[in-house]
N, C-alpha and C. Protein backbone atom coordinates (compact mmCIF):
# COMPACT_ATOMS: atom_id res chain seq x y z
N UNK A 1 109.07 140.94 113.99
CA UNK A 1 109.50 139.54 113.91
C UNK A 1 108.99 138.94 112.62
N UNK A 2 109.86 138.28 111.91
CA UNK A 2 109.50 137.60 110.67
C UNK A 2 109.87 136.13 110.80
N UNK A 3 108.89 135.28 110.57
CA UNK A 3 109.15 133.84 110.64
C UNK A 3 109.96 133.40 109.43
N UNK A 4 110.96 132.58 109.66
CA UNK A 4 111.79 132.02 108.58
C UNK A 4 111.49 130.53 108.49
N UNK A 5 111.09 130.10 107.33
CA UNK A 5 110.80 128.69 107.12
C UNK A 5 112.06 127.97 106.67
N UNK A 6 112.40 126.89 107.37
CA UNK A 6 113.53 126.06 106.98
C UNK A 6 113.04 124.94 106.08
N UNK A 7 113.65 124.80 104.95
CA UNK A 7 113.23 123.80 103.98
C UNK A 7 114.11 122.56 104.12
N UNK A 8 113.57 121.47 104.63
CA UNK A 8 114.39 120.27 104.77
C UNK A 8 114.73 119.68 103.41
N UNK A 9 115.84 118.95 103.39
CA UNK A 9 116.27 118.33 102.14
C UNK A 9 115.56 117.02 101.87
N UNK A 10 114.78 116.56 102.83
CA UNK A 10 114.03 115.33 102.65
C UNK A 10 112.75 115.42 103.48
N UNK A 11 111.88 114.48 103.28
CA UNK A 11 110.60 114.49 103.99
C UNK A 11 110.83 114.35 105.49
N UNK A 12 110.15 115.17 106.28
CA UNK A 12 110.30 115.15 107.73
C UNK A 12 109.62 113.91 108.30
N UNK A 13 110.33 113.10 109.07
CA UNK A 13 109.69 111.91 109.66
C UNK A 13 108.73 112.30 110.77
N UNK A 14 107.74 111.44 111.01
CA UNK A 14 106.78 111.73 112.08
C UNK A 14 107.09 110.96 113.37
N UNK A 15 108.05 110.05 113.32
CA UNK A 15 108.51 109.32 114.51
C UNK A 15 107.44 108.45 115.15
N UNK A 16 106.40 108.11 114.41
CA UNK A 16 105.35 107.22 114.91
C UNK A 16 105.56 105.85 114.29
N UNK A 17 105.99 104.90 115.11
CA UNK A 17 106.20 103.54 114.61
C UNK A 17 104.90 102.76 114.61
N UNK A 18 104.77 101.86 113.65
CA UNK A 18 103.52 101.09 113.52
C UNK A 18 103.84 99.67 113.10
N UNK A 19 103.21 98.72 113.79
CA UNK A 19 103.42 97.30 113.52
C UNK A 19 102.09 96.56 113.72
N UNK A 20 102.06 95.33 113.27
CA UNK A 20 100.97 94.42 113.62
C UNK A 20 101.57 93.34 114.50
N UNK A 21 101.09 93.26 115.75
CA UNK A 21 101.67 92.28 116.67
C UNK A 21 101.25 90.88 116.27
N UNK A 22 102.04 89.91 116.70
CA UNK A 22 101.76 88.50 116.44
C UNK A 22 101.92 87.71 117.73
N UNK A 23 101.05 86.71 117.92
CA UNK A 23 99.89 86.38 117.11
C UNK A 23 98.71 87.31 117.43
N UNK A 24 97.80 87.46 116.48
CA UNK A 24 96.64 88.33 116.70
C UNK A 24 95.72 87.81 117.79
N UNK A 25 95.83 86.53 118.09
CA UNK A 25 95.00 85.95 119.16
C UNK A 25 95.27 86.61 120.51
N UNK A 26 96.44 87.27 120.66
CA UNK A 26 96.71 88.02 121.89
C UNK A 26 95.63 89.06 122.14
N UNK A 27 95.13 89.66 121.08
CA UNK A 27 94.11 90.70 121.22
C UNK A 27 92.83 90.13 121.83
N UNK A 28 92.41 88.97 121.34
CA UNK A 28 91.21 88.33 121.88
C UNK A 28 91.40 87.97 123.36
N UNK A 29 92.61 87.52 123.70
CA UNK A 29 92.88 87.14 125.08
C UNK A 29 92.84 88.35 126.01
N UNK A 30 93.33 89.49 125.53
CA UNK A 30 93.31 90.69 126.36
C UNK A 30 91.89 91.23 126.54
N UNK A 31 91.09 91.15 125.50
CA UNK A 31 89.69 91.55 125.64
C UNK A 31 88.97 90.67 126.64
N UNK A 32 89.19 89.35 126.55
CA UNK A 32 88.57 88.42 127.50
C UNK A 32 89.05 88.70 128.92
N UNK A 33 90.34 89.01 129.07
CA UNK A 33 90.89 89.36 130.38
C UNK A 33 90.18 90.59 130.94
N UNK A 34 90.03 91.60 130.12
CA UNK A 34 89.35 92.83 130.53
C UNK A 34 87.91 92.55 130.96
N UNK A 35 87.17 91.85 130.14
CA UNK A 35 85.75 91.64 130.41
C UNK A 35 85.51 90.74 131.62
N UNK A 36 86.49 89.93 131.99
CA UNK A 36 86.33 89.04 133.14
C UNK A 36 86.58 89.75 134.47
N UNK A 37 86.94 91.02 134.40
CA UNK A 37 87.28 91.77 135.61
C UNK A 37 86.44 93.03 135.75
N UNK A 38 85.15 92.85 135.64
CA UNK A 38 84.24 93.99 135.70
C UNK A 38 84.35 94.74 137.03
N UNK A 39 84.60 94.03 138.11
CA UNK A 39 84.66 94.67 139.43
C UNK A 39 85.85 95.62 139.54
N UNK A 40 86.89 95.40 138.76
CA UNK A 40 88.08 96.25 138.84
C UNK A 40 88.06 97.39 137.81
N UNK A 41 87.07 97.41 136.95
CA UNK A 41 87.00 98.46 135.92
C UNK A 41 86.55 99.78 136.53
N UNK A 42 87.05 100.87 135.96
CA UNK A 42 86.68 102.21 136.42
C UNK A 42 86.34 103.08 135.22
N UNK A 43 85.66 104.18 135.49
CA UNK A 43 85.39 105.15 134.43
C UNK A 43 86.69 105.87 134.10
N UNK A 44 86.95 106.05 132.81
CA UNK A 44 88.20 106.65 132.38
C UNK A 44 88.36 108.08 132.87
N UNK A 45 89.60 108.44 133.18
CA UNK A 45 89.90 109.78 133.65
C UNK A 45 91.07 110.36 132.87
N UNK A 46 91.15 111.67 132.85
CA UNK A 46 92.31 112.37 132.32
C UNK A 46 93.18 112.79 133.50
N UNK A 47 94.26 113.49 133.21
CA UNK A 47 95.14 113.96 134.28
C UNK A 47 94.42 114.90 135.24
N UNK A 48 93.38 115.56 134.76
CA UNK A 48 92.63 116.51 135.60
C UNK A 48 91.42 115.86 136.28
N UNK A 49 91.27 114.54 136.13
CA UNK A 49 90.18 113.85 136.80
C UNK A 49 89.11 113.37 135.84
N UNK A 50 87.96 113.01 136.39
CA UNK A 50 86.86 112.48 135.58
C UNK A 50 86.13 113.61 134.88
N UNK A 51 86.08 113.54 133.57
CA UNK A 51 85.39 114.54 132.76
C UNK A 51 84.95 113.86 131.46
N UNK A 52 83.71 113.38 131.40
CA UNK A 52 83.27 112.64 130.22
C UNK A 52 83.25 113.46 128.93
N UNK A 53 83.30 114.79 129.05
CA UNK A 53 83.40 115.61 127.84
C UNK A 53 84.80 115.51 127.23
N UNK A 54 85.79 115.20 128.07
CA UNK A 54 87.17 115.04 127.59
C UNK A 54 87.47 113.59 127.24
N UNK A 55 87.04 112.67 128.11
CA UNK A 55 87.31 111.25 127.90
C UNK A 55 86.13 110.45 128.42
N UNK A 56 85.65 109.55 127.60
CA UNK A 56 84.51 108.70 127.96
C UNK A 56 84.88 107.26 127.64
N UNK A 57 85.33 106.53 128.65
CA UNK A 57 85.80 105.16 128.45
C UNK A 57 85.62 104.37 129.73
N UNK A 58 85.85 103.07 129.64
CA UNK A 58 85.92 102.18 130.79
C UNK A 58 87.32 101.60 130.82
N UNK A 59 88.02 101.77 131.95
CA UNK A 59 89.44 101.41 132.03
C UNK A 59 89.69 100.32 133.05
N UNK A 60 90.72 99.55 132.79
CA UNK A 60 91.22 98.56 133.74
C UNK A 60 92.72 98.81 133.90
N UNK A 61 93.13 99.26 135.07
CA UNK A 61 94.54 99.55 135.33
C UNK A 61 95.29 98.27 135.67
N UNK A 62 96.47 98.13 135.09
CA UNK A 62 97.35 97.00 135.35
C UNK A 62 98.65 97.52 135.94
N UNK A 63 99.04 97.01 137.09
CA UNK A 63 100.30 97.40 137.72
C UNK A 63 101.37 96.37 137.38
N UNK A 64 102.60 96.83 137.14
CA UNK A 64 103.65 95.88 136.72
C UNK A 64 103.81 94.69 137.65
N UNK A 65 103.68 94.90 138.96
CA UNK A 65 103.87 93.79 139.90
C UNK A 65 102.81 92.71 139.74
N UNK A 66 101.67 93.08 139.14
CA UNK A 66 100.60 92.10 138.94
C UNK A 66 100.90 91.13 137.80
N UNK A 67 101.86 91.47 136.95
CA UNK A 67 102.13 90.65 135.78
C UNK A 67 102.61 89.25 136.14
N UNK A 68 103.14 89.08 137.35
CA UNK A 68 103.63 87.77 137.76
C UNK A 68 102.53 86.85 138.25
N UNK A 69 101.31 87.37 138.39
CA UNK A 69 100.21 86.52 138.83
C UNK A 69 99.90 85.47 137.76
N UNK A 70 99.58 84.25 138.17
CA UNK A 70 99.38 83.16 137.19
C UNK A 70 98.34 83.48 136.11
N UNK A 71 97.26 84.19 136.47
CA UNK A 71 96.21 84.44 135.48
C UNK A 71 96.52 85.62 134.57
N UNK A 72 97.71 86.21 134.72
CA UNK A 72 98.11 87.34 133.88
C UNK A 72 99.00 86.92 132.71
N UNK A 73 99.00 85.64 132.37
CA UNK A 73 99.83 85.16 131.27
C UNK A 73 99.55 85.90 129.96
N UNK A 74 98.28 86.20 129.61
CA UNK A 74 98.06 86.95 128.36
C UNK A 74 98.78 88.29 128.34
N UNK A 75 98.88 88.94 129.49
CA UNK A 75 99.58 90.22 129.55
C UNK A 75 101.08 90.05 129.41
N UNK A 76 101.63 88.99 129.99
CA UNK A 76 103.06 88.72 129.82
C UNK A 76 103.37 88.44 128.36
N UNK A 77 102.52 87.67 127.71
CA UNK A 77 102.72 87.38 126.29
C UNK A 77 102.63 88.66 125.45
N UNK A 78 101.68 89.52 125.82
CA UNK A 78 101.54 90.78 125.09
C UNK A 78 102.79 91.64 125.26
N UNK A 79 103.31 91.73 126.48
CA UNK A 79 104.50 92.55 126.73
C UNK A 79 105.68 92.07 125.90
N UNK A 80 105.81 90.78 125.75
CA UNK A 80 106.88 90.23 124.91
C UNK A 80 106.72 90.70 123.47
N UNK A 81 105.48 90.67 122.98
CA UNK A 81 105.22 91.12 121.61
C UNK A 81 105.46 92.63 121.47
N UNK A 82 105.06 93.40 122.50
CA UNK A 82 105.26 94.84 122.46
C UNK A 82 106.74 95.19 122.40
N UNK A 83 107.55 94.51 123.19
CA UNK A 83 108.97 94.85 123.20
C UNK A 83 109.69 94.38 121.95
N UNK A 84 109.11 93.45 121.22
CA UNK A 84 109.63 93.15 119.88
C UNK A 84 109.46 94.37 118.98
N UNK A 85 108.31 95.04 119.09
CA UNK A 85 108.09 96.28 118.34
C UNK A 85 109.05 97.37 118.81
N UNK A 86 109.24 97.46 120.12
CA UNK A 86 110.12 98.48 120.67
C UNK A 86 111.56 98.30 120.18
N UNK A 87 112.02 97.07 120.12
CA UNK A 87 113.38 96.83 119.63
C UNK A 87 113.52 97.27 118.17
N UNK A 88 112.49 97.05 117.39
CA UNK A 88 112.54 97.50 116.00
C UNK A 88 112.50 99.02 115.92
N UNK A 89 111.75 99.66 116.82
CA UNK A 89 111.72 101.13 116.87
C UNK A 89 113.13 101.67 117.12
N UNK A 90 113.86 101.04 118.03
CA UNK A 90 115.21 101.49 118.33
C UNK A 90 116.15 101.27 117.14
N UNK A 91 115.90 100.24 116.36
CA UNK A 91 116.71 100.04 115.16
C UNK A 91 116.49 101.18 114.15
N UNK A 92 115.27 101.69 114.13
CA UNK A 92 114.97 102.81 113.22
C UNK A 92 115.58 104.11 113.72
N UNK A 93 115.71 104.27 115.04
CA UNK A 93 116.20 105.51 115.63
C UNK A 93 117.34 105.17 116.61
N UNK A 94 118.52 104.86 116.09
CA UNK A 94 119.62 104.39 116.94
C UNK A 94 120.10 105.41 117.96
N UNK A 95 119.86 106.71 117.74
CA UNK A 95 120.24 107.69 118.76
C UNK A 95 119.52 107.39 120.07
N UNK A 96 118.23 107.07 119.98
CA UNK A 96 117.46 106.74 121.17
C UNK A 96 117.98 105.46 121.81
N UNK A 97 118.41 104.53 120.97
CA UNK A 97 118.98 103.28 121.48
C UNK A 97 120.20 103.54 122.34
N UNK A 98 121.01 104.53 121.96
CA UNK A 98 122.21 104.86 122.73
C UNK A 98 121.88 105.63 124.00
N UNK A 99 120.89 106.52 123.91
CA UNK A 99 120.54 107.36 125.05
C UNK A 99 119.75 106.56 126.09
N UNK A 100 118.93 105.66 125.62
CA UNK A 100 118.00 104.97 126.51
C UNK A 100 118.04 103.46 126.22
N UNK A 101 119.15 102.81 126.58
CA UNK A 101 119.27 101.38 126.27
C UNK A 101 118.31 100.50 127.08
N UNK A 102 117.74 101.06 128.15
CA UNK A 102 116.83 100.29 129.00
C UNK A 102 115.63 101.17 129.35
N UNK A 103 114.44 100.60 129.29
CA UNK A 103 113.23 101.33 129.66
C UNK A 103 112.46 100.54 130.70
N UNK A 104 111.56 101.23 131.37
CA UNK A 104 110.64 100.57 132.29
C UNK A 104 109.22 100.96 131.91
N UNK A 105 108.28 100.15 132.33
CA UNK A 105 106.86 100.40 132.10
C UNK A 105 106.18 100.51 133.45
N UNK A 106 105.43 101.56 133.63
CA UNK A 106 104.67 101.74 134.86
C UNK A 106 103.27 101.15 134.66
N UNK A 107 102.34 101.51 135.50
CA UNK A 107 100.97 101.04 135.34
C UNK A 107 100.44 101.44 133.97
N UNK A 108 99.63 100.57 133.40
CA UNK A 108 99.05 100.84 132.09
C UNK A 108 97.60 100.41 132.09
N UNK A 109 96.90 100.69 130.99
CA UNK A 109 95.45 100.47 130.96
C UNK A 109 95.02 99.60 129.78
N UNK A 110 94.04 98.77 130.03
CA UNK A 110 93.20 98.23 128.96
C UNK A 110 91.92 99.05 129.01
N UNK A 111 91.46 99.50 127.84
CA UNK A 111 90.31 100.41 127.81
C UNK A 111 89.27 99.92 126.80
N UNK A 112 88.02 100.18 127.17
CA UNK A 112 86.91 99.89 126.26
C UNK A 112 86.14 101.18 126.01
N UNK A 113 85.84 101.41 124.74
CA UNK A 113 85.00 102.54 124.34
C UNK A 113 83.71 101.98 123.75
N UNK A 114 82.58 102.36 124.34
CA UNK A 114 81.28 101.99 123.81
C UNK A 114 80.79 103.08 122.86
N UNK A 115 79.70 102.84 122.11
CA UNK A 115 79.22 103.88 121.19
C UNK A 115 79.07 105.23 121.89
N UNK A 116 79.61 106.25 121.28
CA UNK A 116 79.64 107.58 121.89
C UNK A 116 80.89 107.84 122.70
N UNK A 117 81.69 106.79 122.96
CA UNK A 117 82.93 106.93 123.72
C UNK A 117 84.01 107.63 122.91
N UNK A 118 84.98 108.18 123.62
CA UNK A 118 86.02 108.97 122.95
C UNK A 118 87.08 109.36 123.97
N UNK A 119 88.18 109.94 123.45
CA UNK A 119 89.14 110.71 124.23
C UNK A 119 89.40 111.96 123.40
N UNK A 120 88.37 112.81 123.31
CA UNK A 120 88.39 113.95 122.39
C UNK A 120 89.34 115.06 122.81
N UNK A 121 89.70 115.11 124.06
CA UNK A 121 90.62 116.15 124.51
C UNK A 121 91.98 115.94 123.85
N UNK A 122 92.47 116.95 123.16
CA UNK A 122 93.80 116.86 122.57
C UNK A 122 94.81 116.89 123.71
N UNK A 123 95.70 115.89 123.74
CA UNK A 123 96.62 115.75 124.85
C UNK A 123 97.92 115.11 124.37
N UNK A 124 98.93 115.24 125.18
CA UNK A 124 100.16 114.48 124.98
C UNK A 124 100.49 113.78 126.29
N UNK A 125 101.53 112.97 126.28
CA UNK A 125 101.78 112.10 127.42
C UNK A 125 102.82 112.63 128.40
N UNK A 126 103.43 113.77 128.07
CA UNK A 126 104.42 114.36 128.97
C UNK A 126 104.17 115.87 129.01
N UNK A 127 103.43 116.30 130.04
CA UNK A 127 103.02 117.70 130.11
C UNK A 127 103.28 118.34 131.47
N UNK A 128 103.77 117.57 132.43
CA UNK A 128 104.03 118.09 133.77
C UNK A 128 105.35 117.52 134.28
N UNK A 129 105.83 118.08 135.39
CA UNK A 129 107.01 117.52 136.03
C UNK A 129 106.76 116.07 136.42
N UNK A 130 105.54 115.80 136.85
CA UNK A 130 105.19 114.44 137.28
C UNK A 130 105.20 113.42 136.17
N UNK A 131 105.10 113.86 134.92
CA UNK A 131 105.13 112.93 133.78
C UNK A 131 106.39 113.12 132.93
N UNK A 132 107.36 113.87 133.45
CA UNK A 132 108.55 114.20 132.65
C UNK A 132 109.45 113.00 132.40
N UNK A 133 109.26 111.91 133.16
CA UNK A 133 110.07 110.71 132.96
C UNK A 133 109.62 109.89 131.75
N UNK A 134 108.44 110.18 131.23
CA UNK A 134 107.94 109.42 130.09
C UNK A 134 108.69 109.81 128.82
N UNK A 135 109.08 108.82 128.05
CA UNK A 135 109.80 109.08 126.80
C UNK A 135 108.98 108.65 125.59
N UNK A 136 108.38 107.49 125.68
CA UNK A 136 107.58 106.96 124.58
C UNK A 136 106.20 106.55 125.09
N UNK A 137 105.22 106.70 124.24
CA UNK A 137 103.87 106.17 124.49
C UNK A 137 103.64 104.99 123.55
N UNK A 138 102.77 104.09 123.94
CA UNK A 138 102.46 102.95 123.10
C UNK A 138 100.97 102.59 123.21
N UNK A 139 100.46 101.99 122.16
CA UNK A 139 99.05 101.60 122.14
C UNK A 139 98.87 100.48 121.13
N UNK A 140 98.05 99.52 121.48
CA UNK A 140 97.64 98.48 120.54
C UNK A 140 96.12 98.47 120.46
N UNK A 141 95.59 98.51 119.25
CA UNK A 141 94.16 98.33 119.05
C UNK A 141 93.86 96.84 119.12
N UNK A 142 92.86 96.47 119.89
CA UNK A 142 92.57 95.06 120.11
C UNK A 142 91.46 94.52 119.21
N UNK A 143 90.80 95.40 118.46
CA UNK A 143 89.76 94.94 117.53
C UNK A 143 89.63 95.94 116.38
N UNK A 144 88.99 95.49 115.33
CA UNK A 144 88.72 96.37 114.18
C UNK A 144 87.57 97.31 114.52
N UNK A 145 87.68 98.55 114.08
CA UNK A 145 86.63 99.54 114.26
C UNK A 145 86.35 100.17 112.90
N UNK A 146 85.09 100.16 112.50
CA UNK A 146 84.74 100.63 111.16
C UNK A 146 84.11 102.01 111.14
N UNK A 147 83.53 102.42 112.25
CA UNK A 147 82.76 103.68 112.24
C UNK A 147 83.22 104.56 113.40
N UNK A 148 84.13 105.48 113.11
CA UNK A 148 84.65 106.38 114.14
C UNK A 148 85.79 105.75 114.90
N UNK A 149 86.19 106.43 116.01
CA UNK A 149 87.18 105.86 116.90
C UNK A 149 88.63 106.00 116.48
N UNK A 150 88.91 106.77 115.43
CA UNK A 150 90.29 106.92 114.97
C UNK A 150 91.11 107.74 115.95
N UNK A 151 92.42 107.54 115.93
CA UNK A 151 93.36 108.36 116.69
C UNK A 151 93.93 109.42 115.74
N UNK A 152 93.85 110.67 116.16
CA UNK A 152 94.28 111.78 115.30
C UNK A 152 95.47 112.48 115.94
N UNK A 153 96.62 112.44 115.25
CA UNK A 153 97.80 113.19 115.65
C UNK A 153 97.72 114.56 114.99
N UNK A 154 97.48 115.58 115.81
CA UNK A 154 97.07 116.87 115.25
C UNK A 154 98.19 117.59 114.51
N UNK A 155 99.42 117.52 115.00
CA UNK A 155 100.51 118.25 114.36
C UNK A 155 101.04 117.54 113.12
N UNK A 156 100.84 116.24 113.05
CA UNK A 156 101.30 115.48 111.90
C UNK A 156 100.22 115.34 110.83
N UNK A 157 99.00 115.81 111.14
CA UNK A 157 97.87 115.66 110.23
C UNK A 157 97.73 114.19 109.82
N UNK A 158 97.78 113.33 110.85
CA UNK A 158 97.77 111.89 110.62
C UNK A 158 96.63 111.27 111.42
N UNK A 159 95.84 110.45 110.76
CA UNK A 159 94.72 109.78 111.41
C UNK A 159 94.91 108.27 111.25
N UNK A 160 94.81 107.54 112.38
CA UNK A 160 95.01 106.09 112.38
C UNK A 160 93.70 105.42 112.77
N UNK A 161 93.19 104.58 111.89
CA UNK A 161 91.95 103.86 112.17
C UNK A 161 92.26 102.57 112.91
N UNK A 162 91.52 102.28 113.99
CA UNK A 162 91.80 101.05 114.75
C UNK A 162 91.65 99.79 113.91
N UNK A 163 92.65 98.94 114.03
CA UNK A 163 92.66 97.66 113.35
C UNK A 163 93.28 96.64 114.29
N UNK A 164 92.67 95.50 114.41
CA UNK A 164 93.10 94.48 115.36
C UNK A 164 94.59 94.21 115.23
N UNK A 165 95.31 94.38 116.35
CA UNK A 165 96.73 94.10 116.38
C UNK A 165 97.63 95.26 116.00
N UNK A 166 97.07 96.32 115.43
CA UNK A 166 97.89 97.46 115.02
C UNK A 166 98.46 98.14 116.27
N UNK A 167 99.76 98.28 116.30
CA UNK A 167 100.47 98.79 117.48
C UNK A 167 101.27 100.02 117.11
N UNK A 168 101.14 101.06 117.92
CA UNK A 168 101.84 102.32 117.70
C UNK A 168 102.79 102.60 118.85
N UNK A 169 103.95 103.13 118.53
CA UNK A 169 104.88 103.69 119.52
C UNK A 169 105.27 105.07 119.01
N UNK A 170 105.19 106.08 119.91
CA UNK A 170 105.49 107.44 119.48
C UNK A 170 106.06 108.24 120.63
N UNK A 171 106.72 109.37 120.34
CA UNK A 171 107.29 110.20 121.41
C UNK A 171 106.20 110.75 122.32
N UNK A 172 106.50 110.82 123.61
CA UNK A 172 105.52 111.28 124.60
C UNK A 172 105.39 112.79 124.62
N UNK A 173 106.20 113.49 123.87
CA UNK A 173 106.28 114.94 123.96
C UNK A 173 105.08 115.65 123.33
N UNK A 174 104.98 116.97 123.57
CA UNK A 174 103.86 117.78 123.07
C UNK A 174 103.78 117.77 121.55
N UNK A 175 104.88 117.51 120.90
CA UNK A 175 104.89 117.48 119.43
C UNK A 175 103.95 116.43 118.88
N UNK A 176 103.61 115.44 119.71
CA UNK A 176 102.74 114.36 119.26
C UNK A 176 101.41 114.38 120.01
N UNK A 177 100.88 115.58 120.17
CA UNK A 177 99.54 115.73 120.74
C UNK A 177 98.54 114.97 119.87
N UNK A 178 97.55 114.38 120.49
CA UNK A 178 96.62 113.52 119.76
C UNK A 178 95.29 113.46 120.50
N UNK A 179 94.31 112.88 119.84
CA UNK A 179 92.97 112.73 120.41
C UNK A 179 92.32 111.48 119.80
N UNK A 180 91.37 110.93 120.55
CA UNK A 180 90.61 109.78 120.06
C UNK A 180 89.22 110.23 119.64
N UNK A 181 88.88 110.04 118.39
CA UNK A 181 87.59 110.51 117.88
C UNK A 181 86.43 109.67 118.40
N UNK A 182 85.25 110.23 118.34
CA UNK A 182 84.05 109.56 118.84
C UNK A 182 83.81 108.24 118.11
N UNK A 183 83.50 107.22 118.89
CA UNK A 183 83.13 105.92 118.33
C UNK A 183 81.64 105.95 118.01
N UNK A 184 81.31 105.75 116.76
CA UNK A 184 79.91 105.86 116.34
C UNK A 184 79.13 104.56 116.49
N UNK A 185 79.81 103.44 116.37
CA UNK A 185 79.12 102.15 116.45
C UNK A 185 80.10 101.08 116.91
N UNK A 186 79.55 100.03 117.53
CA UNK A 186 80.38 98.92 117.99
C UNK A 186 81.15 99.28 119.24
N UNK A 187 82.20 98.52 119.48
CA UNK A 187 83.09 98.76 120.62
C UNK A 187 84.52 98.89 120.13
N UNK A 188 85.30 99.59 120.91
CA UNK A 188 86.72 99.77 120.61
C UNK A 188 87.50 99.40 121.87
N UNK A 189 88.47 98.50 121.71
CA UNK A 189 89.32 98.09 122.82
C UNK A 189 90.77 98.45 122.49
N UNK A 190 91.48 98.97 123.47
CA UNK A 190 92.90 99.25 123.31
C UNK A 190 93.64 98.86 124.59
N UNK A 191 94.94 98.67 124.48
CA UNK A 191 95.83 98.59 125.63
C UNK A 191 96.89 99.66 125.40
N UNK A 192 97.18 100.45 126.43
CA UNK A 192 98.04 101.62 126.23
C UNK A 192 98.82 101.96 127.49
N UNK A 193 99.99 102.55 127.29
CA UNK A 193 100.83 102.94 128.42
C UNK A 193 102.05 103.71 127.95
N UNK A 194 103.09 103.73 128.78
CA UNK A 194 104.27 104.54 128.52
C UNK A 194 105.54 103.75 128.80
N UNK A 195 106.59 104.12 128.10
CA UNK A 195 107.94 103.64 128.39
C UNK A 195 108.73 104.83 128.94
N UNK A 196 109.44 104.61 130.04
CA UNK A 196 110.10 105.72 130.68
C UNK A 196 111.48 105.35 131.19
N UNK A 197 112.24 106.39 131.56
CA UNK A 197 113.57 106.17 132.13
C UNK A 197 113.45 105.38 133.43
N UNK A 198 114.41 104.46 133.67
CA UNK A 198 114.41 103.78 134.96
C UNK A 198 114.65 104.79 136.08
N UNK A 199 114.16 104.50 137.29
CA UNK A 199 114.41 105.40 138.42
C UNK A 199 115.90 105.59 138.65
N UNK A 200 116.27 106.73 139.16
CA UNK A 200 117.67 107.02 139.46
C UNK A 200 118.20 105.98 140.44
N UNK A 201 119.37 105.43 140.11
CA UNK A 201 119.98 104.44 140.98
C UNK A 201 119.78 103.01 140.52
N UNK A 202 118.80 102.81 139.58
CA UNK A 202 118.57 101.47 139.05
C UNK A 202 119.49 101.20 137.88
């Protein structure tokens, strides 16, 4: 067997969209929302369960039905800002716009990483039949991080340093495997989740 390299006629895109959400005050509101709900916070887990060698974080799960609660206004405002980014992503990739004109969001997380925290396990967002409905992943950094804590997309050789309001949308597939590097100092806050096909019949 001999590998044949195909030479593209132009630079290969990485399909990772990036924006700065507005207003940035949404980030402060989401952090305050997270910190006011200590009783609902849990230790972060991966698909295989709790393993601090793979992921070391504090998470707050948000279910879509909770968004209608009066005190969840910051989350509703954030979702509006996120879908502004999503609409622009579809403008960049109109094929996806035709295939998937409507998406849904399932439960998602606000997460805090303290010094030494990480999601070092290289992972992608669609790796099992149970996650096969996921099409896009999304994440917003809620604060600036200066020492560690970058997100590394291993196949694209791309590293993204957390910056307040910086929002990423990328394909959920294995091609976009990634990891969160160790946070050396300070705290790192993110909000993250998935966009997926609506259930059959909807």
